[in-house]
């Protein structure tokens, strides 16, 4: 379990997304995409990895 979390956070885009979400406020995927320069499919994949971790 800890290894899954660390592996998920080792990717810079996922870590940046988590930092944006850390304040507890809601963010839409379109905002994360714009702030991180990621496509919708890529952002969706990153969110999936974070949820599973």
PDB file of N, CA and C in Angstrom:
ATOM      1  N   UNK A   1       0.818  -1.188   0.000  1.00  0.00           N
ATOM      2  CA  UNK A   1       0.000   0.000   0.000  1.00  0.00           C
ATOM      3  C   UNK A   1       0.866   1.258   0.000  1.00  0.00           C
ATOM      4  N   UNK A   2       1.838   1.348   0.875  1.00  0.00           N
ATOM      5  CA  UNK A   2       2.724   2.513   0.917  1.00  0.00           C
ATOM      6  C   UNK A   2       3.492   2.625  -0.389  1.00  0.00           C
ATOM      7  N   UNK A   3       3.927   1.497  -0.920  1.00  0.00           N
ATOM      8  CA  UNK A   3       4.655   1.503  -2.185  1.00  0.00           C
ATOM      9  C   UNK A   3       3.780   2.027  -3.318  1.00  0.00           C
ATOM     10  N   UNK A   4       2.496   1.675  -3.319  1.00  0.00           N
ATOM     11  CA  UNK A   4       1.566   2.171  -4.339  1.00  0.00           C
ATOM     12  C   UNK A   4       1.450   3.690  -4.276  1.00  0.00           C
ATOM     13  N   UNK A   5       1.345   4.223  -3.074  1.00  0.00           N
ATOM     14  CA  UNK A   5       1.234   5.677  -2.895  1.00  0.00           C
ATOM     15  C   UNK A   5       2.510   6.361  -3.363  1.00  0.00           C
ATOM     16  N   UNK A   6       3.648   5.846  -2.947  1.00  0.00           N
ATOM     17  CA  UNK A   6       4.917   6.453  -3.343  1.00  0.00           C
ATOM     18  C   UNK A   6       5.126   6.380  -4.849  1.00  0.00           C
ATOM     19  N   UNK A   7       4.750   5.272  -5.452  1.00  0.00           N
ATOM     20  CA  UNK A   7       4.865   5.138  -6.904  1.00  0.00           C
ATOM     21  C   UNK A   7       3.972   6.139  -7.619  1.00  0.00           C
ATOM     22  N   UNK A   8       2.771   6.324  -7.119  1.00  0.00           N
ATOM     23  CA  UNK A   8       1.845   7.283  -7.728  1.00  0.00           C
ATOM     24  C   UNK A   8       2.390   8.699  -7.629  1.00  0.00           C
ATOM     25  N   UNK A   9       2.989   9.027  -6.501  1.00  0.00           N
ATOM     26  CA  UNK A   9       3.494  10.383  -6.281  1.00  0.00           C
ATOM     27  C   UNK A   9       4.849  10.631  -6.932  1.00  0.00           C
ATOM     28  N   UNK A  10       5.494   9.589  -7.424  1.00  0.00           N
ATOM     29  CA  UNK A  10       6.797   9.744  -8.068  1.00  0.00           C
ATOM     30  C   UNK A  10       6.687  10.422  -9.427  1.00  0.00           C
ATOM     31  N   UNK A  11       5.491  10.449 -10.003  1.00  0.00           N
ATOM     32  CA  UNK A  11       5.284  11.075 -11.312  1.00  0.00           C
ATOM     33  C   UNK A  11       4.988  12.562 -11.100  1.00  0.00           C
ATOM     34  N   UNK A  12       5.759  13.454 -11.710  1.00  0.00           N
ATOM     35  CA  UNK A  12       5.623  14.892 -11.444  1.00  0.00           C
ATOM     36  C   UNK A  12       4.231  15.476 -11.696  1.00  0.00           C
ATOM     37  N   UNK A  13       3.545  15.033 -12.733  1.00  0.00           N
ATOM     38  CA  UNK A  13       2.212  15.580 -13.014  1.00  0.00           C
ATOM     39  C   UNK A  13       1.225  15.174 -11.937  1.00  0.00           C
ATOM     40  N   UNK A  14       1.306  13.928 -11.478  1.00  0.00           N
ATOM     41  CA  UNK A  14       0.399  13.484 -10.417  1.00  0.00           C
ATOM     42  C   UNK A  14       0.679  14.222  -9.119  1.00  0.00           C
ATOM     43  N   UNK A  15       1.929  14.425  -8.800  1.00  0.00           N
ATOM     44  CA  UNK A  15       2.279  15.161  -7.587  1.00  0.00           C
ATOM     45  C   UNK A  15       1.773  16.599  -7.674  1.00  0.00           C
ATOM     46  N   UNK A  16       1.924  17.220  -8.826  1.00  0.00           N
ATOM     47  CA  UNK A  16       1.436  18.591  -9.009  1.00  0.00           C
ATOM     48  C   UNK A  16      -0.085  18.645  -8.893  1.00  0.00           C
ATOM     49  N   UNK A  17      -0.772  17.657  -9.448  1.00  0.00           N
ATOM     50  CA  UNK A  17      -2.233  17.611  -9.353  1.00  0.00           C
ATOM     51  C   UNK A  17      -2.659  17.469  -7.897  1.00  0.00           C
ATOM     52  N   UNK A  18      -1.987  16.619  -7.171  1.00  0.00           N
ATOM     53  CA  UNK A  18      -2.316  16.425  -5.759  1.00  0.00           C
ATOM     54  C   UNK A  18      -2.091  17.711  -4.967  1.00  0.00           C
ATOM     55  N   UNK A  19      -1.040  18.432  -5.287  1.00  0.00           N
ATOM     56  CA  UNK A  19      -0.791  19.715  -4.615  1.00  0.00           C
ATOM     57  C   UNK A  19      -1.922  20.704  -4.892  1.00  0.00           C
ATOM     58  N   UNK A  20      -2.418  20.720  -6.125  1.00  0.00           N
ATOM     59  CA  UNK A  20      -3.528  21.614  -6.459  1.00  0.00           C
ATOM     60  C   UNK A  20      -4.804  21.225  -5.709  1.00  0.00           C
ATOM     61  N   UNK A  21      -4.971  19.940  -5.464  1.00  0.00           N
ATOM     62  CA  UNK A  21      -6.175  19.451  -4.790  1.00  0.00           C
ATOM     63  C   UNK A  21      -6.052  19.476  -3.262  1.00  0.00           C
ATOM     64  N   UNK A  22      -4.857  19.683  -2.751  1.00  0.00           N
ATOM     65  CA  UNK A  22      -4.590  19.546  -1.318  1.00  0.00           C
ATOM     66  C   UNK A  22      -5.310  20.560  -0.442  1.00  0.00           C
ATOM     67  N   UNK A  23      -5.730  21.678  -1.002  1.00  0.00           N
ATOM     68  CA  UNK A  23      -6.403  22.689  -0.177  1.00  0.00           C
ATOM     69  C   UNK A  23      -7.828  22.296   0.172  1.00  0.00           C
ATOM     70  N   UNK A  24      -8.297  21.181  -0.384  1.00  0.00           N
ATOM     71  CA  UNK A  24      -9.633  20.692  -0.068  1.00  0.00           C
ATOM     72  C   UNK A  24     -10.722  21.283  -0.939  1.00  0.00           C
ATOM     73  N   UNK A  25     -10.376  22.277  -1.735  1.00  0.00           N
ATOM     74  CA  UNK A  25     -11.361  22.869  -2.636  1.00  0.00           C
ATOM     75  C   UNK A  25     -11.622  21.963  -3.826  1.00  0.00           C
ATOM     76  N   UNK A  26     -12.767  22.151  -4.424  1.00  0.00           N
ATOM     77  CA  UNK A  26     -13.096  21.360  -5.602  1.00  0.00           C
ATOM     78  C   UNK A  26     -12.461  21.981  -6.834  1.00  0.00           C
ATOM     79  N   UNK A  27     -12.018  21.133  -7.725  1.00  0.00           N
ATOM     80  CA  UNK A  27     -11.448  21.570  -8.992  1.00  0.00           C
ATOM     81  C   UNK A  27     -12.008  20.669 -10.085  1.00  0.00           C
ATOM     82  N   UNK A  28     -12.327  21.270 -11.206  1.00  0.00           N
ATOM     83  CA  UNK A  28     -12.776  20.448 -12.333  1.00  0.00           C
ATOM     84  C   UNK A  28     -11.544  19.962 -13.098  1.00  0.00           C
ATOM     85  N   UNK A  29     -11.720  18.890 -13.815  1.00  0.00           N
ATOM     86  CA  UNK A  29     -10.615  18.325 -14.585  1.00  0.00           C
ATOM     87  C   UNK A  29     -10.088  19.347 -15.583  1.00  0.00           C
ATOM     88  N   UNK A  30     -10.974  20.158 -16.149  1.00  0.00           N
ATOM     89  CA  UNK A  30     -10.532  21.159 -17.128  1.00  0.00           C
ATOM     90  C   UNK A  30      -9.548  22.145 -16.493  1.00  0.00           C
ATOM     91  N   UNK A  31      -9.730  22.480 -15.226  1.00  0.00           N
ATOM     92  CA  UNK A  31      -8.792  23.373 -14.544  1.00  0.00           C
ATOM     93  C   UNK A  31      -7.441  22.687 -14.340  1.00  0.00           C
ATOM     94  N   UNK A  32      -7.477  21.432 -13.927  1.00  0.00           N
ATOM     95  CA  UNK A  32      -6.226  20.688 -13.763  1.00  0.00           C
ATOM     96  C   UNK A  32      -5.498  20.557 -15.095  1.00  0.00           C
ATOM     97  N   UNK A  33      -6.245  20.277 -16.147  1.00  0.00           N
ATOM     98  CA  UNK A  33      -5.650  20.161 -17.475  1.00  0.00           C
ATOM     99  C   UNK A  33      -4.943  21.448 -17.866  1.00  0.00           C
ATOM    100  N   UNK A  34      -5.616  22.570 -17.666  1.00  0.00           N
ATOM    101  CA  UNK A  34      -5.045  23.865 -18.042  1.00  0.00           C
ATOM    102  C   UNK A  34      -3.818  24.198 -17.200  1.00  0.00           C
ATOM    103  N   UNK A  35      -3.912  23.976 -15.913  1.00  0.00           N
ATOM    104  CA  UNK A  35      -2.805  24.330 -15.013  1.00  0.00           C
ATOM    105  C   UNK A  35      -1.582  23.434 -15.219  1.00  0.00           C
ATOM    106  N   UNK A  36      -1.829  22.173 -15.588  1.00  0.00           N
ATOM    107  CA  UNK A  36      -0.733  21.213 -15.700  1.00  0.00           C
ATOM    108  C   UNK A  36      -0.319  20.927 -17.140  1.00  0.00           C
ATOM    109  N   UNK A  37      -1.052  21.475 -18.096  1.00  0.00           N
ATOM    110  CA  UNK A  37      -0.717  21.262 -19.501  1.00  0.00           C
ATOM    111  C   UNK A  37      -0.893  19.825 -19.951  1.00  0.00           C
ATOM    112  N   UNK A  38      -1.919  19.175 -19.444  1.00  0.00           N
ATOM    113  CA  UNK A  38      -2.167  17.769 -19.770  1.00  0.00           C
ATOM    114  C   UNK A  38      -3.460  17.634 -20.564  1.00  0.00           C
ATOM    115  N   UNK A  39      -3.507  16.650 -21.438  1.00  0.00           N
ATOM    116  CA  UNK A  39      -4.730  16.374 -22.191  1.00  0.00           C
ATOM    117  C   UNK A  39      -5.768  15.734 -21.263  1.00  0.00           C
ATOM    118  N   UNK A  40      -7.007  15.678 -21.734  1.00  0.00           N
ATOM    119  CA  UNK A  40      -8.084  15.097 -20.929  1.00  0.00           C
ATOM    120  C   UNK A  40      -7.803  13.627 -20.644  1.00  0.00           C
ATOM    121  N   UNK A  41      -7.374  12.888 -21.647  1.00  0.00           N
ATOM    122  CA  UNK A  41      -7.128  11.459 -21.438  1.00  0.00           C
ATOM    123  C   UNK A  41      -5.949  11.234 -20.488  1.00  0.00           C
ATOM    124  N   UNK A  42      -4.932  12.057 -20.609  1.00  0.00           N
ATOM    125  CA  UNK A  42      -3.773  11.926 -19.716  1.00  0.00           C
ATOM    126  C   UNK A  42      -4.146  12.283 -18.276  1.00  0.00           C
ATOM    127  N   UNK A  43      -4.925  13.353 -18.117  1.00  0.00           N
ATOM    128  CA  UNK A  43      -5.342  13.764 -16.774  1.00  0.00           C
ATOM    129  C   UNK A  43      -6.242  12.702 -16.154  1.00  0.00           C
ATOM    130  N   UNK A  44      -7.102  12.123 -16.954  1.00  0.00           N
ATOM    131  CA  UNK A  44      -7.982  11.063 -16.473  1.00  0.00           C
ATOM    132  C   UNK A  44      -7.162   9.874 -15.974  1.00  0.00           C
ATOM    133  N   UNK A  45      -6.145   9.526 -16.707  1.00  0.00           N
ATOM    134  CA  UNK A  45      -5.274   8.412 -16.303  1.00  0.00           C
ATOM    135  C   UNK A  45      -4.549   8.741 -14.995  1.00  0.00           C
ATOM    136  N   UNK A  46      -4.038   9.955 -14.881  1.00  0.00           N
ATOM    137  CA  UNK A  46      -3.361  10.353 -13.648  1.00  0.00           C
ATOM    138  C   UNK A  46      -4.311  10.278 -12.454  1.00  0.00           C
ATOM    139  N   UNK A  47      -5.536  10.734 -12.624  1.00  0.00           N
ATOM    140  CA  UNK A  47      -6.509  10.697 -11.527  1.00  0.00           C
ATOM    141  C   UNK A  47      -6.844   9.258 -11.151  1.00  0.00           C
ATOM    142  N   UNK A  48      -6.914   8.390 -12.144  1.00  0.00           N
ATOM    143  CA  UNK A  48      -7.188   6.981 -11.882  1.00  0.00           C
ATOM    144  C   UNK A  48      -6.068   6.365 -11.034  1.00  0.00           C
ATOM    145  N   UNK A  49      -4.832   6.661 -11.377  1.00  0.00           N
ATOM    146  CA  UNK A  49      -3.691   6.132 -10.620  1.00  0.00           C
ATOM    147  C   UNK A  49      -3.725   6.649  -9.185  1.00  0.00           C
ATOM    148  N   UNK A  50      -4.021   7.934  -9.011  1.00  0.00           N
ATOM    149  CA  UNK A  50      -4.085   8.498  -7.657  1.00  0.00           C
ATOM    150  C   UNK A  50      -5.216   7.877  -6.841  1.00  0.00           C
ATOM    151  N   UNK A  51      -6.379   7.675  -7.463  1.00  0.00           N
ATOM    152  CA  UNK A  51      -7.503   7.055  -6.743  1.00  0.00           C
ATOM    153  C   UNK A  51      -7.143   5.650  -6.274  1.00  0.00           C
ATOM    154  N   UNK A  52      -6.476   4.895  -7.112  1.00  0.00           N
ATOM    155  CA  UNK A  52      -6.127   3.512  -6.764  1.00  0.00           C
ATOM    156  C   UNK A  52      -5.053   3.431  -5.685  1.00  0.00           C
ATOM    157  N   UNK A  53      -4.229   4.466  -5.614  1.00  0.00           N
ATOM    158  CA  UNK A  53      -3.148   4.463  -4.612  1.00  0.00           C
ATOM    159  C   UNK A  53      -3.746   4.746  -3.254  1.00  0.00           C
TER     160      UNK A  53
END
